[in-house]
Amino acid sequence: MKVSLVNGSPHKHGCTNRALEEVARTLAEQGVDAEIFWIGAKPIGGCVACGGCNKLGRCVFDDQVNEFRQLAAHADGFVFGAPVHYAHAAGSLLGFMDRLFYANGRAGQPNVFAHKPAAAVLSARRAGTTASFDDINKFFTISQMPVVSSRYWNNIHGNTAEEIEQDKEGLATMRMLARNMTWMLRCIEAGRAAGIEPPAMDPDMEFTNFIR
């Protein structure tokens, strides 16, 4: 089993990464492979609604988004982490996820996210974590992904990676998140071995909006 963790901070070794390291270390202790993917320090724009992914099966902007999607195909679970900027998750991560999830499963390519457990992790100096938590979780709930919880919201506090060490409860929350992720992955694995298949899509699914 393997979990891919995404560091959506512009700082490769900052607070968000420290939180993800705690999750990754605990996953490894549970026998689960864990790999942290850094999206980089350059600005990442969101989806421009060009429709190119419907033809290519990937985003037309060939950057970290397409690179991570290839890795995601071989992962069994995900953790997306971000710092809080102005009481919302960092814009670069949201742009990254916009394109990643929108291009997923297009043009006959496999859906690499459906039915795989996922979790959000947020870091902040002080506030805005729960609003940012909601930002990221919405990607999972529209993508048929079971959301993994901890014993508290998956938040950690500090202004530097060194300060994170003082948030003992936050670090414990990260460890509990990893153990819950492991438990859910093992449950899914056991179900698959018992012949339990993922739920089928509704063949009569019809997309509507509010004016028709």
N, C-alpha and C. Protein backbone atom coordinates (compact mmCIF):
# COMPACT_ATOMS: atom_id res chain seq x y z
N MET A 1 0.84 -1.19 0.00
CA MET A 1 0.00 0.00 0.00
C MET A 1 0.88 1.24 0.00
N LYS A 2 0.39 2.26 -0.70
CA LYS A 2 1.18 3.49 -0.82
C LYS A 2 0.28 4.71 -0.69
N VAL A 3 0.76 5.72 0.04
CA VAL A 3 0.06 6.99 0.17
C VAL A 3 0.94 8.09 -0.38
N SER A 4 0.36 8.92 -1.24
CA SER A 4 1.05 10.09 -1.78
C SER A 4 0.62 11.31 -0.99
N LEU A 5 1.59 12.05 -0.49
CA LEU A 5 1.32 13.26 0.29
C LEU A 5 1.80 14.46 -0.52
N VAL A 6 0.97 15.46 -0.68
CA VAL A 6 1.28 16.63 -1.49
C VAL A 6 1.58 17.82 -0.59
N ASN A 7 2.77 18.37 -0.74
CA ASN A 7 3.15 19.59 -0.02
C ASN A 7 2.80 20.78 -0.90
N GLY A 8 1.71 21.47 -0.56
CA GLY A 8 1.24 22.60 -1.34
C GLY A 8 1.77 23.94 -0.87
N SER A 9 2.85 23.92 -0.11
CA SER A 9 3.46 25.16 0.37
C SER A 9 4.58 25.59 -0.56
N PRO A 10 4.82 26.91 -0.70
CA PRO A 10 5.97 27.36 -1.48
C PRO A 10 7.29 27.07 -0.77
N HIS A 11 7.22 26.71 0.51
CA HIS A 11 8.42 26.38 1.28
C HIS A 11 8.56 24.86 1.39
N LYS A 12 9.58 24.34 0.76
CA LYS A 12 9.75 22.88 0.69
C LYS A 12 9.90 22.24 2.07
N HIS A 13 10.55 22.95 2.99
CA HIS A 13 10.81 22.38 4.31
C HIS A 13 10.18 23.23 5.42
N GLY A 14 9.00 23.76 5.15
CA GLY A 14 8.32 24.61 6.11
C GLY A 14 7.36 23.86 7.01
N CYS A 15 6.39 24.58 7.53
CA CYS A 15 5.44 24.04 8.51
C CYS A 15 4.58 22.91 7.93
N THR A 16 4.09 23.12 6.71
CA THR A 16 3.24 22.10 6.08
C THR A 16 4.01 20.81 5.89
N ASN A 17 5.24 20.94 5.42
CA ASN A 17 6.07 19.75 5.22
C ASN A 17 6.32 19.03 6.54
N ARG A 18 6.52 19.78 7.61
CA ARG A 18 6.76 19.14 8.91
C ARG A 18 5.55 18.31 9.34
N ALA A 19 4.35 18.85 9.10
CA ALA A 19 3.14 18.09 9.42
C ALA A 19 3.05 16.82 8.57
N LEU A 20 3.34 16.96 7.28
CA LEU A 20 3.28 15.80 6.39
C LEU A 20 4.33 14.76 6.75
N GLU A 21 5.49 15.22 7.19
CA GLU A 21 6.53 14.28 7.62
C GLU A 21 6.06 13.43 8.80
N GLU A 22 5.31 14.05 9.71
CA GLU A 22 4.78 13.29 10.85
C GLU A 22 3.79 12.23 10.39
N VAL A 23 2.96 12.59 9.42
CA VAL A 23 2.02 11.62 8.85
C VAL A 23 2.80 10.51 8.15
N ALA A 24 3.76 10.89 7.31
CA ALA A 24 4.53 9.90 6.53
C ALA A 24 5.30 8.95 7.43
N ARG A 25 5.91 9.48 8.49
CA ARG A 25 6.68 8.64 9.40
C ARG A 25 5.78 7.61 10.09
N THR A 26 4.60 8.04 10.51
CA THR A 26 3.67 7.12 11.17
C THR A 26 3.12 6.10 10.20
N LEU A 27 2.87 6.50 8.96
CA LEU A 27 2.44 5.54 7.95
C LEU A 27 3.50 4.46 7.76
N ALA A 28 4.76 4.89 7.68
CA ALA A 28 5.86 3.93 7.50
C ALA A 28 5.94 2.96 8.66
N GLU A 29 5.70 3.45 9.87
CA GLU A 29 5.70 2.58 11.05
C GLU A 29 4.58 1.54 10.97
N GLN A 30 3.52 1.89 10.25
CA GLN A 30 2.38 0.98 10.08
C GLN A 30 2.55 0.06 8.87
N GLY A 31 3.69 0.18 8.18
CA GLY A 31 3.95 -0.68 7.02
C GLY A 31 3.40 -0.15 5.71
N VAL A 32 3.09 1.15 5.67
CA VAL A 32 2.55 1.76 4.45
C VAL A 32 3.62 2.67 3.83
N ASP A 33 3.88 2.49 2.55
CA ASP A 33 4.83 3.36 1.85
C ASP A 33 4.25 4.77 1.76
N ALA A 34 5.09 5.77 1.95
CA ALA A 34 4.64 7.16 1.90
C ALA A 34 5.67 7.99 1.17
N GLU A 35 5.19 8.88 0.29
CA GLU A 35 6.08 9.73 -0.49
C GLU A 35 5.51 11.14 -0.52
N ILE A 36 6.34 12.15 -0.22
CA ILE A 36 5.91 13.54 -0.24
C ILE A 36 6.28 14.17 -1.58
N PHE A 37 5.28 14.77 -2.24
CA PHE A 37 5.46 15.44 -3.53
C PHE A 37 5.31 16.93 -3.30
N TRP A 38 6.34 17.69 -3.61
CA TRP A 38 6.31 19.15 -3.45
C TRP A 38 5.90 19.80 -4.76
N ILE A 39 4.90 20.68 -4.74
CA ILE A 39 4.43 21.30 -5.99
C ILE A 39 5.35 22.43 -6.45
N GLY A 40 6.30 22.85 -5.63
CA GLY A 40 7.27 23.86 -6.03
C GLY A 40 6.92 25.25 -5.53
N ALA A 41 7.81 26.19 -5.83
CA ALA A 41 7.66 27.55 -5.33
C ALA A 41 7.12 28.52 -6.37
N LYS A 42 6.96 28.07 -7.61
CA LYS A 42 6.44 28.96 -8.64
C LYS A 42 4.91 29.00 -8.57
N PRO A 43 4.29 30.13 -8.94
CA PRO A 43 2.83 30.21 -8.94
C PRO A 43 2.22 29.18 -9.89
N ILE A 44 1.13 28.56 -9.47
CA ILE A 44 0.43 27.59 -10.30
C ILE A 44 -0.99 28.08 -10.52
N GLY A 45 -1.34 28.32 -11.78
CA GLY A 45 -2.68 28.80 -12.09
C GLY A 45 -3.71 27.69 -12.09
N GLY A 46 -4.96 28.08 -11.97
CA GLY A 46 -6.05 27.12 -11.98
C GLY A 46 -6.52 26.79 -13.38
N CYS A 47 -7.59 26.03 -13.45
CA CYS A 47 -8.16 25.60 -14.73
C CYS A 47 -8.68 26.81 -15.51
N VAL A 48 -8.39 26.84 -16.83
CA VAL A 48 -8.86 27.94 -17.68
C VAL A 48 -10.07 27.51 -18.52
N ALA A 49 -10.63 26.33 -18.24
CA ALA A 49 -11.84 25.84 -18.91
C ALA A 49 -11.69 25.80 -20.43
N CYS A 50 -10.51 25.39 -20.90
CA CYS A 50 -10.27 25.33 -22.35
C CYS A 50 -10.82 24.05 -22.97
N GLY A 51 -11.06 23.03 -22.14
CA GLY A 51 -11.57 21.76 -22.64
C GLY A 51 -10.52 20.87 -23.27
N GLY A 52 -9.25 21.30 -23.24
CA GLY A 52 -8.20 20.51 -23.87
C GLY A 52 -8.02 19.13 -23.27
N CYS A 53 -8.28 19.00 -21.97
CA CYS A 53 -8.10 17.70 -21.32
C CYS A 53 -9.11 16.67 -21.84
N ASN A 54 -10.23 17.13 -22.39
CA ASN A 54 -11.21 16.20 -22.96
C ASN A 54 -10.65 15.49 -24.19
N LYS A 55 -9.67 16.09 -24.83
CA LYS A 55 -9.04 15.49 -26.00
C LYS A 55 -7.73 14.79 -25.65
N LEU A 56 -6.97 15.41 -24.72
CA LEU A 56 -5.64 14.89 -24.42
C LEU A 56 -5.64 13.87 -23.28
N GLY A 57 -6.62 13.94 -22.40
CA GLY A 57 -6.61 13.07 -21.23
C GLY A 57 -5.67 13.56 -20.15
N ARG A 58 -5.19 14.77 -20.28
CA ARG A 58 -4.32 15.41 -19.30
C ARG A 58 -4.48 16.91 -19.46
N CYS A 59 -3.93 17.67 -18.52
CA CYS A 59 -4.01 19.13 -18.62
C CYS A 59 -3.11 19.63 -19.75
N VAL A 60 -3.58 20.65 -20.47
CA VAL A 60 -2.79 21.20 -21.57
C VAL A 60 -1.53 21.90 -21.08
N PHE A 61 -1.53 22.34 -19.84
CA PHE A 61 -0.33 22.94 -19.25
C PHE A 61 0.49 21.81 -18.61
N ASP A 62 1.57 21.46 -19.25
CA ASP A 62 2.33 20.28 -18.85
C ASP A 62 3.35 20.64 -17.77
N ASP A 63 2.90 20.56 -16.53
CA ASP A 63 3.76 20.92 -15.40
C ASP A 63 3.58 19.90 -14.28
N GLN A 64 3.69 20.37 -13.03
CA GLN A 64 3.60 19.46 -11.89
C GLN A 64 2.28 18.72 -11.82
N VAL A 65 1.22 19.29 -12.38
CA VAL A 65 -0.09 18.65 -12.33
C VAL A 65 -0.06 17.31 -13.06
N ASN A 66 0.43 17.30 -14.28
CA ASN A 66 0.50 16.05 -15.03
C ASN A 66 1.53 15.10 -14.44
N GLU A 67 2.60 15.65 -13.90
CA GLU A 67 3.62 14.81 -13.26
C GLU A 67 3.02 14.06 -12.07
N PHE A 68 2.26 14.79 -11.25
CA PHE A 68 1.68 14.13 -10.08
C PHE A 68 0.59 13.15 -10.47
N ARG A 69 -0.18 13.46 -11.49
CA ARG A 69 -1.25 12.54 -11.88
C ARG A 69 -0.71 11.17 -12.25
N GLN A 70 0.46 11.13 -12.87
CA GLN A 70 1.07 9.84 -13.20
C GLN A 70 1.43 9.07 -11.93
N LEU A 71 1.93 9.78 -10.93
CA LEU A 71 2.24 9.14 -9.66
C LEU A 71 0.97 8.68 -8.94
N ALA A 72 -0.08 9.49 -9.05
CA ALA A 72 -1.33 9.20 -8.35
C ALA A 72 -1.96 7.89 -8.81
N ALA A 73 -1.71 7.52 -10.05
CA ALA A 73 -2.28 6.28 -10.57
C ALA A 73 -1.80 5.06 -9.78
N HIS A 74 -0.66 5.18 -9.13
CA HIS A 74 -0.08 4.05 -8.39
C HIS A 74 -0.22 4.20 -6.88
N ALA A 75 -0.98 5.19 -6.44
CA ALA A 75 -1.18 5.42 -5.01
C ALA A 75 -2.52 4.85 -4.57
N ASP A 76 -2.58 4.45 -3.32
CA ASP A 76 -3.82 3.91 -2.75
C ASP A 76 -4.56 4.93 -1.89
N GLY A 77 -3.86 5.99 -1.49
CA GLY A 77 -4.47 7.03 -0.67
C GLY A 77 -3.69 8.32 -0.82
N PHE A 78 -4.27 9.43 -0.35
CA PHE A 78 -3.68 10.74 -0.56
C PHE A 78 -3.84 11.63 0.67
N VAL A 79 -2.85 12.51 0.85
CA VAL A 79 -2.94 13.59 1.83
C VAL A 79 -2.48 14.86 1.13
N PHE A 80 -3.35 15.86 1.09
CA PHE A 80 -3.01 17.14 0.48
C PHE A 80 -2.83 18.17 1.59
N GLY A 81 -1.63 18.76 1.66
CA GLY A 81 -1.33 19.72 2.71
C GLY A 81 -1.08 21.11 2.16
N ALA A 82 -1.47 22.13 2.93
CA ALA A 82 -1.27 23.51 2.50
C ALA A 82 -1.17 24.44 3.70
N PRO A 83 -0.44 25.54 3.53
CA PRO A 83 -0.50 26.60 4.54
C PRO A 83 -1.76 27.43 4.34
N VAL A 84 -2.11 28.18 5.36
CA VAL A 84 -3.26 29.08 5.29
C VAL A 84 -2.80 30.47 4.85
N HIS A 85 -3.41 31.00 3.79
CA HIS A 85 -3.15 32.36 3.32
C HIS A 85 -4.48 33.12 3.32
N TYR A 86 -4.59 34.15 4.11
CA TYR A 86 -5.82 34.96 4.18
C TYR A 86 -7.06 34.10 4.43
N ALA A 87 -6.93 33.17 5.38
CA ALA A 87 -8.04 32.30 5.82
C ALA A 87 -8.53 31.36 4.75
N HIS A 88 -7.70 31.05 3.77
CA HIS A 88 -8.03 29.99 2.82
C HIS A 88 -6.76 29.22 2.48
N ALA A 89 -6.92 28.04 1.93
CA ALA A 89 -5.76 27.23 1.57
C ALA A 89 -4.94 27.96 0.50
N ALA A 90 -3.64 27.78 0.53
CA ALA A 90 -2.73 28.47 -0.40
C ALA A 90 -3.22 28.35 -1.84
N GLY A 91 -3.24 29.48 -2.54
CA GLY A 91 -3.78 29.53 -3.89
C GLY A 91 -3.10 28.59 -4.88
N SER A 92 -1.80 28.39 -4.73
CA SER A 92 -1.09 27.50 -5.65
C SER A 92 -1.60 26.07 -5.53
N LEU A 93 -1.86 25.62 -4.30
CA LEU A 93 -2.38 24.26 -4.15
C LEU A 93 -3.79 24.16 -4.72
N LEU A 94 -4.62 25.17 -4.50
CA LEU A 94 -5.98 25.11 -5.03
C LEU A 94 -5.96 25.11 -6.56
N GLY A 95 -5.08 25.91 -7.17
CA GLY A 95 -4.95 25.89 -8.62
C GLY A 95 -4.47 24.53 -9.10
N PHE A 96 -3.51 23.96 -8.41
CA PHE A 96 -2.99 22.63 -8.70
C PHE A 96 -4.11 21.59 -8.66
N MET A 97 -4.92 21.64 -7.60
CA MET A 97 -5.98 20.66 -7.44
C MET A 97 -7.11 20.89 -8.43
N ASP A 98 -7.42 22.15 -8.75
CA ASP A 98 -8.44 22.44 -9.76
C ASP A 98 -8.14 21.70 -11.06
N ARG A 99 -6.93 21.85 -11.54
CA ARG A 99 -6.56 21.24 -12.82
C ARG A 99 -6.38 19.73 -12.71
N LEU A 100 -5.81 19.31 -11.59
CA LEU A 100 -5.58 17.88 -11.38
C LEU A 100 -6.88 17.09 -11.38
N PHE A 101 -7.85 17.57 -10.63
CA PHE A 101 -9.11 16.84 -10.50
C PHE A 101 -10.00 17.02 -11.72
N TYR A 102 -9.95 18.20 -12.36
CA TYR A 102 -10.79 18.40 -13.54
C TYR A 102 -10.32 17.54 -14.70
N ALA A 103 -9.01 17.42 -14.89
CA ALA A 103 -8.48 16.64 -16.01
C ALA A 103 -8.55 15.13 -15.76
N ASN A 104 -8.79 14.75 -14.52
CA ASN A 104 -8.80 13.33 -14.17
C ASN A 104 -9.92 12.57 -14.88
N GLY A 105 -9.57 11.44 -15.47
CA GLY A 105 -10.57 10.57 -16.10
C GLY A 105 -11.09 11.05 -17.44
N ARG A 106 -10.43 12.02 -18.05
CA ARG A 106 -10.89 12.54 -19.35
C ARG A 106 -10.30 11.75 -20.51
N ALA A 107 -10.97 11.82 -21.63
CA ALA A 107 -10.52 11.22 -22.90
C ALA A 107 -10.15 9.75 -22.73
N GLY A 108 -10.98 9.03 -22.00
CA GLY A 108 -10.77 7.60 -21.86
C GLY A 108 -9.68 7.19 -20.89
N GLN A 109 -9.06 8.18 -20.22
CA GLN A 109 -8.03 7.85 -19.24
C GLN A 109 -8.68 7.38 -17.94
N PRO A 110 -8.00 6.54 -17.18
CA PRO A 110 -8.60 6.03 -15.94
C PRO A 110 -8.78 7.12 -14.90
N ASN A 111 -9.78 6.94 -14.06
CA ASN A 111 -10.00 7.82 -12.91
C ASN A 111 -9.07 7.35 -11.80
N VAL A 112 -8.08 8.15 -11.47
CA VAL A 112 -7.06 7.70 -10.52
C VAL A 112 -7.40 8.05 -9.07
N PHE A 113 -8.55 8.70 -8.84
CA PHE A 113 -8.90 9.13 -7.49
C PHE A 113 -10.12 8.44 -6.89
N ALA A 114 -11.06 8.01 -7.69
CA ALA A 114 -12.31 7.46 -7.17
C ALA A 114 -12.05 6.29 -6.22
N HIS A 115 -12.74 6.32 -5.08
CA HIS A 115 -12.73 5.26 -4.07
C HIS A 115 -11.40 5.10 -3.35
N LYS A 116 -10.51 6.08 -3.50
CA LYS A 116 -9.26 6.05 -2.74
C LYS A 116 -9.35 7.06 -1.58
N PRO A 117 -9.00 6.66 -0.37
CA PRO A 117 -9.11 7.56 0.79
C PRO A 117 -8.20 8.78 0.66
N ALA A 118 -8.67 9.89 1.20
CA ALA A 118 -7.90 11.14 1.12
C ALA A 118 -8.11 11.97 2.37
N ALA A 119 -7.15 12.84 2.63
CA ALA A 119 -7.24 13.72 3.80
C ALA A 119 -6.58 15.05 3.48
N ALA A 120 -7.03 16.08 4.17
CA ALA A 120 -6.44 17.42 4.07
C ALA A 120 -5.67 17.72 5.35
N VAL A 121 -4.55 18.42 5.20
CA VAL A 121 -3.75 18.88 6.34
C VAL A 121 -3.47 20.36 6.15
N LEU A 122 -3.69 21.17 7.19
CA LEU A 122 -3.48 22.62 7.10
C LEU A 122 -2.53 23.09 8.18
N SER A 123 -1.68 24.04 7.81
CA SER A 123 -0.79 24.67 8.79
C SER A 123 -1.04 26.17 8.81
N ALA A 124 -0.98 26.75 9.99
CA ALA A 124 -1.21 28.19 10.12
C ALA A 124 -0.49 28.71 11.35
N ARG A 125 -0.18 30.00 11.31
CA ARG A 125 0.37 30.63 12.51
C ARG A 125 -0.68 30.68 13.60
N ARG A 126 -1.94 31.00 13.19
CA ARG A 126 -2.96 31.21 14.22
C ARG A 126 -4.35 30.73 13.79
N ALA A 127 -4.92 31.31 12.72
CA ALA A 127 -6.33 31.05 12.40
C ALA A 127 -6.53 30.77 10.91
N GLY A 128 -7.76 30.39 10.57
CA GLY A 128 -8.13 30.13 9.18
C GLY A 128 -8.02 28.68 8.76
N THR A 129 -7.64 27.82 9.69
CA THR A 129 -7.42 26.42 9.31
C THR A 129 -8.70 25.67 8.97
N THR A 130 -9.77 25.88 9.75
CA THR A 130 -10.98 25.10 9.48
C THR A 130 -11.65 25.52 8.18
N ALA A 131 -11.60 26.80 7.84
CA ALA A 131 -12.14 27.24 6.55
C ALA A 131 -11.31 26.64 5.41
N SER A 132 -10.01 26.58 5.58
CA SER A 132 -9.12 26.01 4.57
C SER A 132 -9.31 24.50 4.46
N PHE A 133 -9.58 23.87 5.58
CA PHE A 133 -9.87 22.43 5.63
C PHE A 133 -11.05 22.12 4.71
N ASP A 134 -12.06 22.96 4.77
CA ASP A 134 -13.24 22.81 3.93
C ASP A 134 -12.90 22.99 2.46
N ASP A 135 -12.00 23.94 2.14
CA ASP A 135 -11.57 24.16 0.75
C ASP A 135 -11.11 22.85 0.10
N ILE A 136 -10.25 22.13 0.79
CA ILE A 136 -9.62 20.95 0.20
C ILE A 136 -10.56 19.75 0.22
N ASN A 137 -11.31 19.57 1.29
CA ASN A 137 -12.18 18.40 1.39
C ASN A 137 -13.22 18.34 0.28
N LYS A 138 -13.60 19.49 -0.26
CA LYS A 138 -14.62 19.49 -1.33
C LYS A 138 -14.14 18.78 -2.59
N PHE A 139 -12.85 18.79 -2.83
CA PHE A 139 -12.33 18.05 -3.98
C PHE A 139 -12.56 16.55 -3.80
N PHE A 140 -12.46 16.08 -2.57
CA PHE A 140 -12.62 14.65 -2.32
C PHE A 140 -14.08 14.22 -2.43
N THR A 141 -14.97 15.04 -1.87
CA THR A 141 -16.36 14.61 -1.81
C THR A 141 -17.05 14.66 -3.16
N ILE A 142 -16.49 15.39 -4.13
CA ILE A 142 -17.06 15.39 -5.48
C ILE A 142 -16.42 14.30 -6.33
N SER A 143 -15.42 13.62 -5.77
CA SER A 143 -14.64 12.64 -6.55
C SER A 143 -14.78 11.22 -6.02
N GLN A 144 -15.79 10.95 -5.22
CA GLN A 144 -16.05 9.61 -4.68
C GLN A 144 -14.89 9.09 -3.84
N MET A 145 -14.26 9.98 -3.09
CA MET A 145 -13.12 9.59 -2.27
C MET A 145 -13.52 9.58 -0.79
N PRO A 146 -13.36 8.47 -0.09
CA PRO A 146 -13.62 8.46 1.34
C PRO A 146 -12.69 9.45 2.06
N VAL A 147 -13.23 10.26 2.93
CA VAL A 147 -12.44 11.27 3.64
C VAL A 147 -11.97 10.69 4.97
N VAL A 148 -10.66 10.75 5.18
CA VAL A 148 -10.06 10.21 6.40
C VAL A 148 -9.96 11.32 7.45
N SER A 149 -10.41 11.01 8.65
CA SER A 149 -10.38 11.98 9.74
C SER A 149 -9.33 11.59 10.77
N SER A 150 -9.14 12.46 11.74
CA SER A 150 -8.29 12.17 12.89
C SER A 150 -9.15 12.32 14.14
N ARG A 151 -8.53 12.62 15.27
CA ARG A 151 -9.31 12.84 16.50
C ARG A 151 -9.61 14.31 16.70
N TYR A 152 -9.13 15.15 15.78
CA TYR A 152 -9.38 16.59 15.78
C TYR A 152 -9.24 17.00 14.33
N TRP A 153 -9.58 18.24 14.01
CA TRP A 153 -9.34 18.68 12.64
C TRP A 153 -7.84 18.60 12.34
N ASN A 154 -7.51 18.28 11.09
CA ASN A 154 -6.11 18.00 10.73
C ASN A 154 -5.31 19.29 10.56
N ASN A 155 -5.14 20.00 11.66
CA ASN A 155 -4.47 21.30 11.65
C ASN A 155 -3.23 21.27 12.53
N ILE A 156 -2.28 22.12 12.17
CA ILE A 156 -1.08 22.26 12.98
C ILE A 156 -0.70 23.74 13.00
N HIS A 157 -0.11 24.18 14.10
CA HIS A 157 0.14 25.61 14.27
C HIS A 157 1.61 25.92 14.54
N GLY A 158 2.06 27.01 13.92
CA GLY A 158 3.42 27.49 14.10
C GLY A 158 3.78 28.40 12.96
N ASN A 159 4.79 29.21 13.15
CA ASN A 159 5.22 30.14 12.11
C ASN A 159 6.47 29.65 11.40
N THR A 160 7.13 28.65 11.99
CA THR A 160 8.29 28.01 11.40
C THR A 160 8.20 26.51 11.67
N ALA A 161 8.98 25.75 10.93
CA ALA A 161 8.99 24.30 11.15
C ALA A 161 9.44 23.97 12.57
N GLU A 162 10.33 24.79 13.11
CA GLU A 162 10.80 24.57 14.48
C GLU A 162 9.69 24.81 15.50
N GLU A 163 8.86 25.83 15.24
CA GLU A 163 7.76 26.11 16.16
C GLU A 163 6.71 24.99 16.15
N ILE A 164 6.60 24.28 15.04
CA ILE A 164 5.64 23.18 14.96
C ILE A 164 5.90 22.15 16.06
N GLU A 165 7.15 21.99 16.45
CA GLU A 165 7.49 21.00 17.47
C GLU A 165 6.80 21.30 18.79
N GLN A 166 6.41 22.57 19.01
CA GLN A 166 5.73 22.93 20.24
C GLN A 166 4.25 22.56 20.23
N ASP A 167 3.70 22.32 19.03
CA ASP A 167 2.28 21.96 18.94
C ASP A 167 2.14 20.45 19.11
N LYS A 168 2.25 20.01 20.34
CA LYS A 168 2.21 18.58 20.62
C LYS A 168 0.88 17.94 20.21
N GLU A 169 -0.21 18.68 20.45
CA GLU A 169 -1.52 18.13 20.06
C GLU A 169 -1.64 18.03 18.55
N GLY A 170 -1.13 19.05 17.84
CA GLY A 170 -1.18 19.01 16.39
C GLY A 170 -0.41 17.83 15.82
N LEU A 171 0.78 17.57 16.36
CA LEU A 171 1.57 16.44 15.90
C LEU A 171 0.88 15.12 16.21
N ALA A 172 0.24 15.03 17.38
CA ALA A 172 -0.51 13.83 17.73
C ALA A 172 -1.69 13.63 16.77
N THR A 173 -2.30 14.74 16.36
CA THR A 173 -3.39 14.67 15.39
C THR A 173 -2.91 14.10 14.07
N MET A 174 -1.70 14.48 13.65
CA MET A 174 -1.12 13.95 12.42
C MET A 174 -0.88 12.45 12.53
N ARG A 175 -0.41 12.02 13.67
CA ARG A 175 -0.15 10.58 13.85
C ARG A 175 -1.45 9.77 13.85
N MET A 176 -2.49 10.32 14.48
CA MET A 176 -3.78 9.64 14.48
C MET A 176 -4.36 9.58 13.08
N LEU A 177 -4.17 10.64 12.32
CA LEU A 177 -4.61 10.65 10.92
C LEU A 177 -3.95 9.52 10.15
N ALA A 178 -2.65 9.34 10.34
CA ALA A 178 -1.93 8.28 9.63
C ALA A 178 -2.45 6.90 10.03
N ARG A 179 -2.73 6.71 11.31
CA ARG A 179 -3.24 5.41 11.74
C ARG A 179 -4.63 5.15 11.19
N ASN A 180 -5.47 6.20 11.14
CA ASN A 180 -6.81 6.03 10.56
C ASN A 180 -6.73 5.76 9.07
N MET A 181 -5.79 6.41 8.38
CA MET A 181 -5.58 6.14 6.95
C MET A 181 -5.18 4.69 6.74
N THR A 182 -4.26 4.20 7.56
CA THR A 182 -3.82 2.81 7.45
C THR A 182 -4.98 1.85 7.66
N TRP A 183 -5.77 2.12 8.68
CA TRP A 183 -6.94 1.26 8.98
C TRP A 183 -7.90 1.22 7.79
N MET A 184 -8.18 2.39 7.21
CA MET A 184 -9.13 2.43 6.09
C MET A 184 -8.56 1.70 4.88
N LEU A 185 -7.28 1.87 4.60
CA LEU A 185 -6.66 1.17 3.48
C LEU A 185 -6.73 -0.34 3.66
N ARG A 186 -6.51 -0.79 4.88
CA ARG A 186 -6.57 -2.23 5.15
C ARG A 186 -7.99 -2.75 5.03
N CYS A 187 -8.96 -1.96 5.45
CA CYS A 187 -10.36 -2.36 5.29
C CYS A 187 -10.72 -2.50 3.82
N ILE A 188 -10.27 -1.54 3.01
CA ILE A 188 -10.54 -1.60 1.57
C ILE A 188 -9.86 -2.81 0.95
N GLU A 189 -8.62 -3.05 1.37
CA GLU A 189 -7.88 -4.21 0.86
C GLU A 189 -8.58 -5.51 1.22
N ALA A 190 -9.07 -5.61 2.46
CA ALA A 190 -9.78 -6.81 2.89
C ALA A 190 -11.09 -6.99 2.12
N GLY A 191 -11.78 -5.89 1.88
CA GLY A 191 -13.01 -5.96 1.11
C GLY A 191 -12.77 -6.42 -0.31
N ARG A 192 -11.70 -5.89 -0.91
CA ARG A 192 -11.36 -6.30 -2.27
C ARG A 192 -11.03 -7.80 -2.32
N ALA A 193 -10.30 -8.30 -1.32
CA ALA A 193 -9.96 -9.72 -1.26
C ALA A 193 -11.20 -10.59 -1.09
N ALA A 194 -12.24 -10.01 -0.45
CA ALA A 194 -13.49 -10.75 -0.23
C ALA A 194 -14.44 -10.63 -1.42
N GLY A 195 -14.00 -9.94 -2.47
CA GLY A 195 -14.82 -9.83 -3.67
C GLY A 195 -15.79 -8.67 -3.68
N ILE A 196 -15.61 -7.74 -2.77
CA ILE A 196 -16.49 -6.57 -2.72
C ILE A 196 -15.98 -5.53 -3.70
N GLU A 197 -16.79 -5.19 -4.70
CA GLU A 197 -16.40 -4.25 -5.74
C GLU A 197 -16.86 -2.83 -5.39
N PRO A 198 -16.16 -1.81 -5.90
CA PRO A 198 -16.62 -0.43 -5.70
C PRO A 198 -18.01 -0.24 -6.30
N PRO A 199 -18.81 0.68 -5.78
CA PRO A 199 -20.15 0.91 -6.32
C PRO A 199 -20.10 1.40 -7.75
N ALA A 200 -21.05 0.94 -8.54
CA ALA A 200 -21.11 1.33 -9.95
C ALA A 200 -21.72 2.72 -10.09
N MET A 201 -21.37 3.41 -11.16
CA MET A 201 -21.97 4.70 -11.45
C MET A 201 -23.41 4.52 -11.90
N ASP A 202 -24.24 5.49 -11.59
CA ASP A 202 -25.64 5.47 -12.01
C ASP A 202 -25.70 5.64 -13.52
N PRO A 203 -26.22 4.65 -14.26
CA PRO A 203 -26.28 4.77 -15.73
C PRO A 203 -27.23 5.86 -16.21
N ASP A 204 -28.14 6.29 -15.34
CA ASP A 204 -29.11 7.32 -15.71
C ASP A 204 -28.70 8.71 -15.23
N MET A 205 -27.43 8.86 -14.85
CA MET A 205 -26.94 10.16 -14.36
C MET A 205 -27.13 11.23 -15.42
N GLU A 206 -27.76 12.33 -15.02
CA GLU A 206 -28.01 13.44 -15.95
C GLU A 206 -27.54 14.73 -15.30
N PHE A 207 -26.70 15.48 -16.02
CA PHE A 207 -26.20 16.75 -15.50
C PHE A 207 -27.21 17.86 -15.77
N THR A 208 -27.53 18.61 -14.73
CA THR A 208 -28.50 19.69 -14.87
C THR A 208 -27.94 20.96 -14.22
N ASN A 209 -28.57 22.09 -14.51
CA ASN A 209 -28.24 23.31 -13.79
C ASN A 209 -29.56 23.95 -13.36
N PHE A 210 -29.51 25.16 -12.91
CA PHE A 210 -30.69 25.77 -12.30
C PHE A 210 -31.60 26.49 -13.28
N ILE A 211 -31.29 26.45 -14.58
CA ILE A 211 -32.16 27.14 -15.52
C ILE A 211 -32.73 26.19 -16.57
N ARG A 212 -32.53 24.90 -16.42
CA ARG A 212 -33.13 23.95 -17.35
C ARG A 212 -33.39 22.62 -16.66
